[in-house]
N, C-alpha and C. Protein backbone atom coordinates (compact mmCIF):
# COMPACT_ATOMS: atom_id res chain seq x y z
N MET A 1 7.18 6.37 -20.77
CA MET A 1 8.15 5.54 -21.47
C MET A 1 7.71 5.43 -22.94
N GLU A 2 8.62 5.70 -23.83
CA GLU A 2 8.34 5.66 -25.26
C GLU A 2 8.43 4.23 -25.79
N ARG A 3 7.87 4.03 -27.00
CA ARG A 3 7.81 2.70 -27.60
C ARG A 3 9.18 2.03 -27.68
N GLU A 4 10.20 2.76 -28.08
CA GLU A 4 11.53 2.15 -28.22
C GLU A 4 12.13 1.79 -26.86
N GLN A 5 11.80 2.53 -25.83
CA GLN A 5 12.25 2.19 -24.48
C GLN A 5 11.55 0.92 -24.01
N ILE A 6 10.25 0.83 -24.30
CA ILE A 6 9.49 -0.38 -23.95
C ILE A 6 10.07 -1.57 -24.70
N ARG A 7 10.39 -1.37 -25.98
CA ARG A 7 10.97 -2.45 -26.80
C ARG A 7 12.28 -2.94 -26.18
N GLU A 8 13.11 -2.02 -25.71
CA GLU A 8 14.41 -2.39 -25.12
C GLU A 8 14.21 -3.20 -23.84
N VAL A 9 13.26 -2.80 -23.02
CA VAL A 9 12.97 -3.56 -21.80
C VAL A 9 12.45 -4.95 -22.17
N LEU A 10 11.56 -5.01 -23.16
CA LEU A 10 11.03 -6.30 -23.62
C LEU A 10 12.16 -7.18 -24.14
N LYS A 11 13.09 -6.59 -24.87
CA LYS A 11 14.25 -7.33 -25.39
C LYS A 11 15.06 -7.93 -24.24
N ASN A 12 15.29 -7.17 -23.19
CA ASN A 12 16.04 -7.66 -22.03
C ASN A 12 15.31 -8.80 -21.34
N ILE A 13 14.00 -8.67 -21.19
CA ILE A 13 13.21 -9.74 -20.57
C ILE A 13 13.27 -10.99 -21.43
N LEU A 14 13.13 -10.83 -22.74
CA LEU A 14 13.15 -11.96 -23.66
C LEU A 14 14.51 -12.65 -23.65
N GLU A 15 15.59 -11.88 -23.60
CA GLU A 15 16.92 -12.47 -23.55
C GLU A 15 17.09 -13.36 -22.31
N LYS A 16 16.56 -12.92 -21.19
CA LYS A 16 16.63 -13.75 -19.98
C LYS A 16 15.79 -15.01 -20.14
N GLU A 17 14.64 -14.88 -20.79
CA GLU A 17 13.74 -16.02 -20.96
C GLU A 17 14.33 -17.08 -21.89
N VAL A 18 14.96 -16.66 -22.99
CA VAL A 18 15.49 -17.62 -23.95
C VAL A 18 16.96 -17.93 -23.73
N SER A 19 17.57 -17.24 -22.78
CA SER A 19 18.99 -17.46 -22.43
C SER A 19 19.94 -17.31 -23.61
N GLU A 20 19.66 -16.33 -24.44
CA GLU A 20 20.54 -16.03 -25.56
C GLU A 20 20.30 -14.59 -25.99
N PRO A 21 21.28 -14.00 -26.70
CA PRO A 21 21.09 -12.63 -27.18
C PRO A 21 19.92 -12.55 -28.17
N VAL A 22 19.14 -11.52 -28.06
CA VAL A 22 18.01 -11.30 -28.95
C VAL A 22 18.39 -10.17 -29.90
N THR A 23 18.49 -10.50 -31.18
CA THR A 23 18.90 -9.50 -32.15
C THR A 23 17.74 -8.98 -32.97
N GLU A 24 16.71 -9.79 -33.15
CA GLU A 24 15.57 -9.39 -33.97
C GLU A 24 14.35 -9.18 -33.08
N ILE A 25 13.91 -7.93 -32.97
CA ILE A 25 12.76 -7.62 -32.13
C ILE A 25 11.89 -6.56 -32.80
N GLY A 26 11.76 -6.65 -34.13
CA GLY A 26 10.88 -5.76 -34.88
C GLY A 26 9.42 -6.06 -34.59
N ASP A 27 8.55 -5.14 -34.94
CA ASP A 27 7.13 -5.28 -34.63
C ASP A 27 6.50 -6.54 -35.21
N LYS A 28 6.97 -6.98 -36.36
CA LYS A 28 6.35 -8.14 -37.03
C LYS A 28 6.89 -9.48 -36.54
N VAL A 29 7.88 -9.47 -35.68
CA VAL A 29 8.46 -10.73 -35.18
C VAL A 29 7.44 -11.47 -34.33
N ASN A 30 7.22 -12.74 -34.69
CA ASN A 30 6.33 -13.61 -33.92
C ASN A 30 7.16 -14.22 -32.80
N LEU A 31 6.80 -13.93 -31.58
CA LEU A 31 7.59 -14.37 -30.42
C LEU A 31 7.67 -15.89 -30.32
N VAL A 32 6.57 -16.57 -30.56
CA VAL A 32 6.55 -18.03 -30.42
C VAL A 32 7.38 -18.69 -31.52
N GLU A 33 7.14 -18.28 -32.76
CA GLU A 33 7.85 -18.90 -33.88
C GLU A 33 9.34 -18.54 -33.90
N ARG A 34 9.65 -17.27 -33.72
CA ARG A 34 11.04 -16.81 -33.83
C ARG A 34 11.92 -17.34 -32.71
N TYR A 35 11.38 -17.37 -31.51
CA TYR A 35 12.20 -17.75 -30.36
C TYR A 35 11.83 -19.11 -29.77
N GLY A 36 10.94 -19.84 -30.42
CA GLY A 36 10.61 -21.20 -30.01
C GLY A 36 9.99 -21.28 -28.62
N LEU A 37 9.22 -20.27 -28.26
CA LEU A 37 8.59 -20.27 -26.93
C LEU A 37 7.43 -21.25 -26.90
N ASP A 38 7.35 -22.02 -25.82
CA ASP A 38 6.17 -22.85 -25.63
C ASP A 38 5.22 -22.10 -24.70
N SER A 39 4.09 -22.71 -24.36
CA SER A 39 3.07 -22.02 -23.57
C SER A 39 3.60 -21.61 -22.19
N VAL A 40 4.44 -22.43 -21.59
CA VAL A 40 5.02 -22.09 -20.28
C VAL A 40 5.95 -20.89 -20.41
N ASP A 41 6.75 -20.86 -21.48
CA ASP A 41 7.64 -19.73 -21.72
C ASP A 41 6.85 -18.44 -21.91
N VAL A 42 5.76 -18.53 -22.68
CA VAL A 42 4.93 -17.34 -22.94
C VAL A 42 4.35 -16.81 -21.64
N VAL A 43 3.83 -17.71 -20.80
CA VAL A 43 3.26 -17.29 -19.52
C VAL A 43 4.35 -16.65 -18.66
N SER A 44 5.52 -17.25 -18.61
CA SER A 44 6.62 -16.69 -17.84
C SER A 44 7.02 -15.31 -18.35
N LEU A 45 7.12 -15.18 -19.68
CA LEU A 45 7.46 -13.90 -20.29
C LEU A 45 6.42 -12.84 -19.93
N LEU A 46 5.16 -13.18 -20.06
CA LEU A 46 4.10 -12.22 -19.78
C LEU A 46 4.04 -11.86 -18.30
N MET A 47 4.33 -12.80 -17.43
CA MET A 47 4.38 -12.49 -16.00
C MET A 47 5.49 -11.49 -15.70
N GLN A 48 6.63 -11.68 -16.35
CA GLN A 48 7.74 -10.74 -16.17
C GLN A 48 7.39 -9.36 -16.72
N VAL A 49 6.71 -9.32 -17.86
CA VAL A 49 6.27 -8.06 -18.45
C VAL A 49 5.29 -7.36 -17.51
N GLU A 50 4.32 -8.12 -16.99
CA GLU A 50 3.35 -7.55 -16.05
C GLU A 50 4.04 -6.98 -14.82
N GLN A 51 4.98 -7.72 -14.29
CA GLN A 51 5.69 -7.27 -13.09
C GLN A 51 6.54 -6.03 -13.39
N ARG A 52 7.27 -6.05 -14.49
CA ARG A 52 8.16 -4.93 -14.82
C ARG A 52 7.40 -3.64 -15.10
N PHE A 53 6.28 -3.76 -15.83
CA PHE A 53 5.52 -2.58 -16.22
C PHE A 53 4.34 -2.29 -15.30
N ARG A 54 4.13 -3.18 -14.34
CA ARG A 54 3.01 -3.04 -13.39
C ARG A 54 1.68 -2.89 -14.11
N VAL A 55 1.44 -3.83 -15.02
CA VAL A 55 0.18 -3.89 -15.77
C VAL A 55 -0.38 -5.29 -15.64
N ARG A 56 -1.67 -5.43 -15.97
CA ARG A 56 -2.30 -6.75 -16.02
C ARG A 56 -2.69 -7.04 -17.45
N ILE A 57 -2.38 -8.24 -17.89
CA ILE A 57 -2.78 -8.69 -19.22
C ILE A 57 -3.86 -9.74 -19.01
N LYS A 58 -5.05 -9.45 -19.52
CA LYS A 58 -6.19 -10.33 -19.32
C LYS A 58 -6.07 -11.58 -20.19
N HIS A 59 -6.68 -12.64 -19.71
CA HIS A 59 -6.63 -13.93 -20.40
C HIS A 59 -7.09 -13.80 -21.84
N ASP A 60 -8.17 -13.06 -22.09
CA ASP A 60 -8.69 -12.94 -23.45
C ASP A 60 -7.80 -12.10 -24.36
N GLU A 61 -6.85 -11.37 -23.79
CA GLU A 61 -5.92 -10.58 -24.59
C GLU A 61 -4.72 -11.41 -25.06
N LEU A 62 -4.49 -12.53 -24.43
CA LEU A 62 -3.32 -13.35 -24.74
C LEU A 62 -3.30 -13.83 -26.19
N ALA A 63 -4.46 -14.20 -26.73
CA ALA A 63 -4.52 -14.72 -28.10
C ALA A 63 -4.06 -13.69 -29.12
N ALA A 64 -4.26 -12.42 -28.83
CA ALA A 64 -3.88 -11.36 -29.76
C ALA A 64 -2.40 -11.00 -29.68
N LEU A 65 -1.70 -11.51 -28.70
CA LEU A 65 -0.30 -11.14 -28.47
C LEU A 65 0.66 -12.09 -29.18
N SER A 66 0.55 -12.16 -30.49
CA SER A 66 1.40 -13.08 -31.23
C SER A 66 2.71 -12.45 -31.68
N SER A 67 2.73 -11.12 -31.79
CA SER A 67 3.93 -10.47 -32.29
C SER A 67 4.44 -9.42 -31.30
N VAL A 68 5.67 -9.02 -31.52
CA VAL A 68 6.27 -7.96 -30.70
C VAL A 68 5.42 -6.70 -30.81
N GLY A 69 4.98 -6.36 -32.01
CA GLY A 69 4.20 -5.16 -32.23
C GLY A 69 2.90 -5.14 -31.45
N THR A 70 2.18 -6.27 -31.43
CA THR A 70 0.91 -6.30 -30.70
C THR A 70 1.15 -6.18 -29.20
N LEU A 71 2.23 -6.75 -28.71
CA LEU A 71 2.55 -6.61 -27.29
C LEU A 71 2.94 -5.17 -26.97
N LEU A 72 3.73 -4.55 -27.84
CA LEU A 72 4.10 -3.15 -27.63
C LEU A 72 2.87 -2.25 -27.67
N ASP A 73 1.95 -2.52 -28.60
CA ASP A 73 0.72 -1.73 -28.68
C ASP A 73 -0.06 -1.82 -27.38
N LEU A 74 -0.19 -3.03 -26.85
CA LEU A 74 -0.92 -3.23 -25.60
C LEU A 74 -0.24 -2.49 -24.45
N LEU A 75 1.07 -2.61 -24.37
CA LEU A 75 1.81 -1.94 -23.29
C LEU A 75 1.70 -0.43 -23.40
N GLU A 76 1.81 0.10 -24.61
CA GLU A 76 1.65 1.54 -24.79
C GLU A 76 0.27 1.99 -24.34
N ASP A 77 -0.73 1.21 -24.71
CA ASP A 77 -2.11 1.54 -24.32
C ASP A 77 -2.24 1.54 -22.80
N ARG A 78 -1.71 0.51 -22.16
CA ARG A 78 -1.81 0.39 -20.70
C ARG A 78 -1.02 1.47 -19.99
N LEU A 79 0.08 1.87 -20.59
CA LEU A 79 0.92 2.89 -19.97
C LEU A 79 0.48 4.30 -20.33
N GLY A 80 -0.58 4.40 -21.16
CA GLY A 80 -1.15 5.70 -21.47
C GLY A 80 -0.44 6.49 -22.53
N HIS A 81 0.22 5.81 -23.46
CA HIS A 81 0.94 6.50 -24.53
C HIS A 81 0.20 6.34 -25.85
N VAL A 82 0.39 7.28 -26.72
CA VAL A 82 -0.17 7.20 -28.07
C VAL A 82 0.61 6.14 -28.84
N VAL A 83 -0.11 5.29 -29.55
CA VAL A 83 0.53 4.25 -30.33
C VAL A 83 1.15 4.87 -31.57
N THR A 84 2.42 4.52 -31.81
CA THR A 84 3.12 4.99 -32.99
C THR A 84 3.49 3.80 -33.84
N THR A 85 3.68 4.01 -35.12
CA THR A 85 4.04 2.90 -35.97
C THR A 85 5.49 2.52 -35.73
N GLY A 86 5.74 1.23 -35.73
CA GLY A 86 7.10 0.72 -35.53
C GLY A 86 7.67 0.26 -36.84
N ASP A 87 8.73 -0.55 -36.76
CA ASP A 87 9.37 -0.99 -37.99
C ASP A 87 8.69 -2.14 -38.63
């Protein structure tokens, strides 16, 4: 799965989590600030990501997952893809 395909899946998961259309999902978008996610929302989002992509995100990796880009980088790494620059 390529980065843009992963981004689209992440967008769909995020739309379900925030119950509204997600229009901005560039690499620099801060998930917490942009979409007003609290800690419970973040855990729920990450659980859905783990389930959808069949990956595990370690507790110590959570602090680094502040933006869409960092989450995409982690998923690409876990899925065995070369990291490419995003927008």
